[in-house]
């Protein structure tokens, strides 16, 4: 299963050296809904700036012939793909970039799942931003290239990765998590 998903991206996206895929409860739940990832949180809005793509469910991803269709669904520029009824795939030039997209997908999915549960799944009871507010929010997203601007002094993806690494080191000990 992992080979089909990961190799489909690596085969066609030479700009993506890292592919990340998960089956987190909330990300998978979000992939099962017909409305997909909604613009409910800051994290979701950053992802929308990255042009989230979707791939239809074809069952367990073990058919090598599906690789071409997954690659086509991702397209030449997107780095976030939701495999419907399965879970998300993120890609990046670096581990930090792919991780950061997955971190955002996971947070956005968690907020969405909890909000939907709180209102019994009734979208009419959700605070979904208007198109005007959404456009203004999208215009404010400054790290769409995740620090690739050479004049930038802050790389959001790298900062998030380093923060998580420090957290894991303090919890488990660096000597226990690095080979």
C-alpha atoms as a PDB file:
ATOM      1  CA  UNK A   1       0.000   0.000   0.000  1.00  0.00           C
ATOM      2  CA  UNK A   2       2.704   2.501   0.971  1.00  0.00           C
ATOM      3  CA  UNK A   3       4.747   1.752  -2.133  1.00  0.00           C
ATOM      4  CA  UNK A   4       1.927   2.652  -4.518  1.00  0.00           C
ATOM      5  CA  UNK A   5       1.159   5.948  -2.772  1.00  0.00           C
ATOM      6  CA  UNK A   6       4.741   7.119  -2.304  1.00  0.00           C
ATOM      7  CA  UNK A   7       6.140   5.926  -5.629  1.00  0.00           C
ATOM      8  CA  UNK A   8       3.320   7.599  -7.559  1.00  0.00           C
ATOM      9  CA  UNK A   9       4.600  10.990  -6.394  1.00  0.00           C
ATOM     10  CA  UNK A  10       8.329  10.235  -6.599  1.00  0.00           C
ATOM     11  CA  UNK A  11       7.956   8.988 -10.191  1.00  0.00           C
ATOM     12  CA  UNK A  12       6.641  12.276 -11.583  1.00  0.00           C
ATOM     13  CA  UNK A  13       7.488  15.052  -9.123  1.00  0.00           C
ATOM     14  CA  UNK A  14      11.246  15.551  -9.212  1.00  0.00           C
ATOM     15  CA  UNK A  15      10.792  18.633  -6.996  1.00  0.00           C
ATOM     16  CA  UNK A  16       9.418  16.456  -4.193  1.00  0.00           C
ATOM     17  CA  UNK A  17      12.087  14.432  -2.409  1.00  0.00           C
ATOM     18  CA  UNK A  18       9.825  13.549   0.535  1.00  0.00           C
ATOM     19  CA  UNK A  19       6.326  12.052   0.530  1.00  0.00           C
ATOM     20  CA  UNK A  20       4.354  11.759   3.780  1.00  0.00           C
ATOM     21  CA  UNK A  21       1.127   9.779   4.193  1.00  0.00           C
ATOM     22  CA  UNK A  22      -0.929   8.974   7.269  1.00  0.00           C
ATOM     23  CA  UNK A  23      -4.134   7.371   8.479  1.00  0.00           C
ATOM     24  CA  UNK A  24      -4.717   9.639  11.480  1.00  0.00           C
ATOM     25  CA  UNK A  25      -8.304   9.314  12.750  1.00  0.00           C
ATOM     26  CA  UNK A  26      -9.275  12.909  11.972  1.00  0.00           C
ATOM     27  CA  UNK A  27      -7.529  13.170   8.590  1.00  0.00           C
ATOM     28  CA  UNK A  28      -9.114   9.929   7.443  1.00  0.00           C
ATOM     29  CA  UNK A  29     -12.521  11.043   8.748  1.00  0.00           C
ATOM     30  CA  UNK A  30     -12.158  14.309   6.827  1.00  0.00           C
ATOM     31  CA  UNK A  31     -11.251  12.358   3.660  1.00  0.00           C
ATOM     32  CA  UNK A  32     -14.501  10.406   3.991  1.00  0.00           C
ATOM     33  CA  UNK A  33     -16.767  13.477   3.932  1.00  0.00           C
ATOM     34  CA  UNK A  34     -18.207  14.717   0.660  1.00  0.00           C
ATOM     35  CA  UNK A  35     -17.190  18.305   1.350  1.00  0.00           C
ATOM     36  CA  UNK A  36     -13.525  17.536   2.042  1.00  0.00           C
ATOM     37  CA  UNK A  37     -11.358  20.022   3.890  1.00  0.00           C
ATOM     38  CA  UNK A  38     -13.335  23.156   4.744  1.00  0.00           C
ATOM     39  CA  UNK A  39     -11.811  26.627   5.324  1.00  0.00           C
ATOM     40  CA  UNK A  40     -12.636  26.608   9.036  1.00  0.00           C
ATOM     41  CA  UNK A  41      -9.247  27.309  10.611  1.00  0.00           C
ATOM     42  CA  UNK A  42      -5.981  29.136   9.985  1.00  0.00           C
ATOM     43  CA  UNK A  43      -4.359  25.814   9.143  1.00  0.00           C
ATOM     44  CA  UNK A  44      -6.986  24.969   6.533  1.00  0.00           C
ATOM     45  CA  UNK A  45      -6.622  28.391   4.940  1.00  0.00           C
ATOM     46  CA  UNK A  46      -2.851  27.953   4.575  1.00  0.00           C
ATOM     47  CA  UNK A  47      -3.504  24.600   2.906  1.00  0.00           C
ATOM     48  CA  UNK A  48      -6.056  26.111   0.546  1.00  0.00           C
ATOM     49  CA  UNK A  49      -3.319  28.480  -0.586  1.00  0.00           C
ATOM     50  CA  UNK A  50      -1.400  25.350  -1.606  1.00  0.00           C
ATOM     51  CA  UNK A  51      -4.235  24.112  -3.840  1.00  0.00           C
ATOM     52  CA  UNK A  52      -5.334  20.921  -2.099  1.00  0.00           C
ATOM     53  CA  UNK A  53      -6.195  18.194  -4.598  1.00  0.00           C
ATOM     54  CA  UNK A  54      -8.381  15.097  -4.240  1.00  0.00           C
ATOM     55  CA  UNK A  55      -8.092  11.550  -5.610  1.00  0.00           C
ATOM     56  CA  UNK A  56     -11.130   9.248  -5.835  1.00  0.00           C
ATOM     57  CA  UNK A  57     -11.267   6.123  -3.697  1.00  0.00           C
ATOM     58  CA  UNK A  58     -10.210   2.975  -5.542  1.00  0.00           C
ATOM     59  CA  UNK A  59     -10.000   0.617  -2.576  1.00  0.00           C
ATOM     60  CA  UNK A  60      -6.766  -0.397  -0.905  1.00  0.00           C
ATOM     61  CA  UNK A  61      -3.893   1.337  -2.707  1.00  0.00           C
ATOM     62  CA  UNK A  62      -2.114  -1.841  -3.808  1.00  0.00           C
ATOM     63  CA  UNK A  63      -2.726  -1.736  -7.568  1.00  0.00           C
ATOM     64  CA  UNK A  64       0.406  -0.461  -9.326  1.00  0.00           C
ATOM     65  CA  UNK A  65      -1.792   0.890 -12.121  1.00  0.00           C
ATOM     66  CA  UNK A  66      -3.257   3.428  -9.683  1.00  0.00           C
ATOM     67  CA  UNK A  67       0.090   5.244  -9.428  1.00  0.00           C
ATOM     68  CA  UNK A  68      -0.441   7.136 -12.671  1.00  0.00           C
ATOM     69  CA  UNK A  69      -3.912   8.255 -11.567  1.00  0.00           C
ATOM     70  CA  UNK A  70      -2.646   9.380  -8.145  1.00  0.00           C
ATOM     71  CA  UNK A  71       0.130  11.391  -9.824  1.00  0.00           C
ATOM     72  CA  UNK A  72      -2.387  12.972 -12.198  1.00  0.00           C
ATOM     73  CA  UNK A  73      -4.668  13.893  -9.275  1.00  0.00           C
ATOM     74  CA  UNK A  74      -1.781  15.578  -7.448  1.00  0.00           C
ATOM     75  CA  UNK A  75      -0.791  17.504 -10.557  1.00  0.00           C
ATOM     76  CA  UNK A  76       2.425  19.356 -11.347  1.00  0.00           C
ATOM     77  CA  UNK A  77       2.390  21.910  -8.527  1.00  0.00           C
ATOM     78  CA  UNK A  78       0.213  20.852  -5.581  1.00  0.00           C
ATOM     79  CA  UNK A  79       1.903  19.318  -2.558  1.00  0.00           C
ATOM     80  CA  UNK A  80      -1.251  18.227  -0.714  1.00  0.00           C
ATOM     81  CA  UNK A  81      -3.467  15.394  -1.945  1.00  0.00           C
ATOM     82  CA  UNK A  82      -6.424  13.919  -0.089  1.00  0.00           C
ATOM     83  CA  UNK A  83      -7.025  10.291  -1.021  1.00  0.00           C
ATOM     84  CA  UNK A  84     -10.788  10.048  -0.573  1.00  0.00           C
ATOM     85  CA  UNK A  85     -11.892   7.491   2.046  1.00  0.00           C
ATOM     86  CA  UNK A  86      -8.207   6.837   2.780  1.00  0.00           C
ATOM     87  CA  UNK A  87      -6.179   9.798   4.062  1.00  0.00           C
ATOM     88  CA  UNK A  88      -3.819  12.624   3.112  1.00  0.00           C
ATOM     89  CA  UNK A  89      -0.542  12.622   1.211  1.00  0.00           C
ATOM     90  CA  UNK A  90       1.836  15.555   1.443  1.00  0.00           C
ATOM     91  CA  UNK A  91       5.061  16.165  -0.439  1.00  0.00           C
ATOM     92  CA  UNK A  92       7.968  18.549  -0.220  1.00  0.00           C
ATOM     93  CA  UNK A  93      11.493  19.307  -1.227  1.00  0.00           C
ATOM     94  CA  UNK A  94      12.530  18.605   2.365  1.00  0.00           C
ATOM     95  CA  UNK A  95      11.358  16.517   5.301  1.00  0.00           C
ATOM     96  CA  UNK A  96      10.448  19.766   7.038  1.00  0.00           C
ATOM     97  CA  UNK A  97       8.197  20.922   4.207  1.00  0.00           C
ATOM     98  CA  UNK A  98       6.349  17.601   3.810  1.00  0.00           C
ATOM     99  CA  UNK A  99       6.003  17.350   7.601  1.00  0.00           C
ATOM    100  CA  UNK A 100       4.640  20.892   7.876  1.00  0.00           C
ATOM    101  CA  UNK A 101       1.931  20.266   5.284  1.00  0.00           C
ATOM    102  CA  UNK A 102       0.937  17.058   7.088  1.00  0.00           C
ATOM    103  CA  UNK A 103       0.939  18.893  10.418  1.00  0.00           C
ATOM    104  CA  UNK A 104      -1.418  21.494   8.929  1.00  0.00           C
ATOM    105  CA  UNK A 105      -3.673  18.830   7.370  1.00  0.00           C
ATOM    106  CA  UNK A 106      -3.864  17.014  10.704  1.00  0.00           C
ATOM    107  CA  UNK A 107      -4.664  20.152  12.720  1.00  0.00           C
ATOM    108  CA  UNK A 108      -7.207  21.401  10.166  1.00  0.00           C
ATOM    109  CA  UNK A 109      -8.876  17.979  10.083  1.00  0.00           C
ATOM    110  CA  UNK A 110      -9.006  17.790  13.878  1.00  0.00           C
ATOM    111  CA  UNK A 111     -10.625  21.230  14.185  1.00  0.00           C
ATOM    112  CA  UNK A 112     -13.084  20.315  11.448  1.00  0.00           C
ATOM    113  CA  UNK A 113     -13.996  16.933  12.976  1.00  0.00           C
ATOM    114  CA  UNK A 114     -14.527  18.469  16.411  1.00  0.00           C
ATOM    115  CA  UNK A 115     -16.567  21.369  15.058  1.00  0.00           C
ATOM    116  CA  UNK A 116     -18.762  19.035  13.020  1.00  0.00           C
ATOM    117  CA  UNK A 117     -19.276  16.814  16.060  1.00  0.00           C
ATOM    118  CA  UNK A 118     -20.216  19.847  18.157  1.00  0.00           C
ATOM    119  CA  UNK A 119     -23.001  20.810  15.733  1.00  0.00           C
ATOM    120  CA  UNK A 120     -24.157  17.292  14.925  1.00  0.00           C
ATOM    121  CA  UNK A 121     -22.765  17.499  11.391  1.00  0.00           C
ATOM    122  CA  UNK A 122     -25.042  20.396  10.448  1.00  0.00           C
ATOM    123  CA  UNK A 123     -22.986  22.685   8.195  1.00  0.00           C
ATOM    124  CA  UNK A 124     -25.595  25.432   8.562  1.00  0.00           C
ATOM    125  CA  UNK A 125     -24.494  25.754  12.200  1.00  0.00           C
ATOM    126  CA  UNK A 126     -20.828  26.223  11.258  1.00  0.00           C
ATOM    127  CA  UNK A 127     -18.982  29.542  10.996  1.00  0.00           C
ATOM    128  CA  UNK A 128     -17.666  29.110   7.478  1.00  0.00           C
ATOM    129  CA  UNK A 129     -15.938  32.296   6.295  1.00  0.00           C
ATOM    130  CA  UNK A 130     -17.580  34.234   3.471  1.00  0.00           C
ATOM    131  CA  UNK A 131     -15.772  34.385   0.144  1.00  0.00           C
ATOM    132  CA  UNK A 132     -14.720  37.964   0.967  1.00  0.00           C
ATOM    133  CA  UNK A 133     -13.197  37.033   4.323  1.00  0.00           C
ATOM    134  CA  UNK A 134     -11.604  33.928   2.858  1.00  0.00           C
ATOM    135  CA  UNK A 135      -9.980  35.941   0.065  1.00  0.00           C
ATOM    136  CA  UNK A 136      -8.600  38.470   2.573  1.00  0.00           C
ATOM    137  CA  UNK A 137      -7.276  35.648   4.756  1.00  0.00           C
ATOM    138  CA  UNK A 138      -5.655  33.932   1.770  1.00  0.00           C
ATOM    139  CA  UNK A 139      -4.030  37.226   0.767  1.00  0.00           C
ATOM    140  CA  UNK A 140      -2.445  37.463   4.223  1.00  0.00           C
ATOM    141  CA  UNK A 141      -0.784  34.048   4.035  1.00  0.00           C
ATOM    142  CA  UNK A 142       2.851  35.062   3.731  1.00  0.00           C
ATOM    143  CA  UNK A 143       4.617  31.715   3.909  1.00  0.00           C
ATOM    144  CA  UNK A 144       3.107  30.056   0.892  1.00  0.00           C
ATOM    145  CA  UNK A 145       6.581  29.073  -0.303  1.00  0.00           C
ATOM    146  CA  UNK A 146       7.620  27.947   3.178  1.00  0.00           C
ATOM    147  CA  UNK A 147      10.781  30.001   3.405  1.00  0.00           C
ATOM    148  CA  UNK A 148      12.125  29.575  -0.112  1.00  0.00           C
ATOM    149  CA  UNK A 149      12.353  33.318  -0.525  1.00  0.00           C
ATOM    150  CA  UNK A 150      16.081  34.029   0.001  1.00  0.00           C
ATOM    151  CA  UNK A 151      15.282  37.422   1.555  1.00  0.00           C
ATOM    152  CA  UNK A 152      13.039  35.793   4.180  1.00  0.00           C
ATOM    153  CA  UNK A 153      14.459  35.343   7.658  1.00  0.00           C
ATOM    154  CA  UNK A 154      11.839  32.891   8.930  1.00  0.00           C
ATOM    155  CA  UNK A 155      10.969  29.460   7.568  1.00  0.00           C
ATOM    156  CA  UNK A 156       7.675  28.240   9.067  1.00  0.00           C
ATOM    157  CA  UNK A 157       8.186  24.604   8.067  1.00  0.00           C
ATOM    158  CA  UNK A 158      11.691  24.442   9.497  1.00  0.00           C
ATOM    159  CA  UNK A 159      10.629  26.140  12.727  1.00  0.00           C
ATOM    160  CA  UNK A 160       7.740  23.682  13.203  1.00  0.00           C
ATOM    161  CA  UNK A 161       9.979  20.679  12.484  1.00  0.00           C
ATOM    162  CA  UNK A 162      12.664  21.881  14.896  1.00  0.00           C
ATOM    163  CA  UNK A 163      10.059  22.508  17.598  1.00  0.00           C
ATOM    164  CA  UNK A 164       8.622  19.004  17.264  1.00  0.00           C
ATOM    165  CA  UNK A 165      12.142  17.510  17.240  1.00  0.00           C
ATOM    166  CA  UNK A 166      12.973  19.332  20.499  1.00  0.00           C
ATOM    167  CA  UNK A 167       9.711  18.117  22.029  1.00  0.00           C
ATOM    168  CA  UNK A 168      10.470  14.495  21.105  1.00  0.00           C
ATOM    169  CA  UNK A 169      14.066  14.803  22.332  1.00  0.00           C
ATOM    170  CA  UNK A 170      12.914  16.128  25.695  1.00  0.00           C
ATOM    171  CA  UNK A 171      10.236  13.432  26.009  1.00  0.00           C
ATOM    172  CA  UNK A 172      12.192  10.384  24.827  1.00  0.00           C
ATOM    173  CA  UNK A 173      15.844  11.511  24.963  1.00  0.00           C
ATOM    174  CA  UNK A 174      17.839  12.298  21.826  1.00  0.00           C
ATOM    175  CA  UNK A 175      19.904   9.152  22.368  1.00  0.00           C
ATOM    176  CA  UNK A 176      16.724   7.063  21.968  1.00  0.00           C
ATOM    177  CA  UNK A 177      15.294   8.543  18.795  1.00  0.00           C
ATOM    178  CA  UNK A 178      18.235   9.043  16.441  1.00  0.00           C
ATOM    179  CA  UNK A 179      20.046   6.181  14.741  1.00  0.00           C
END
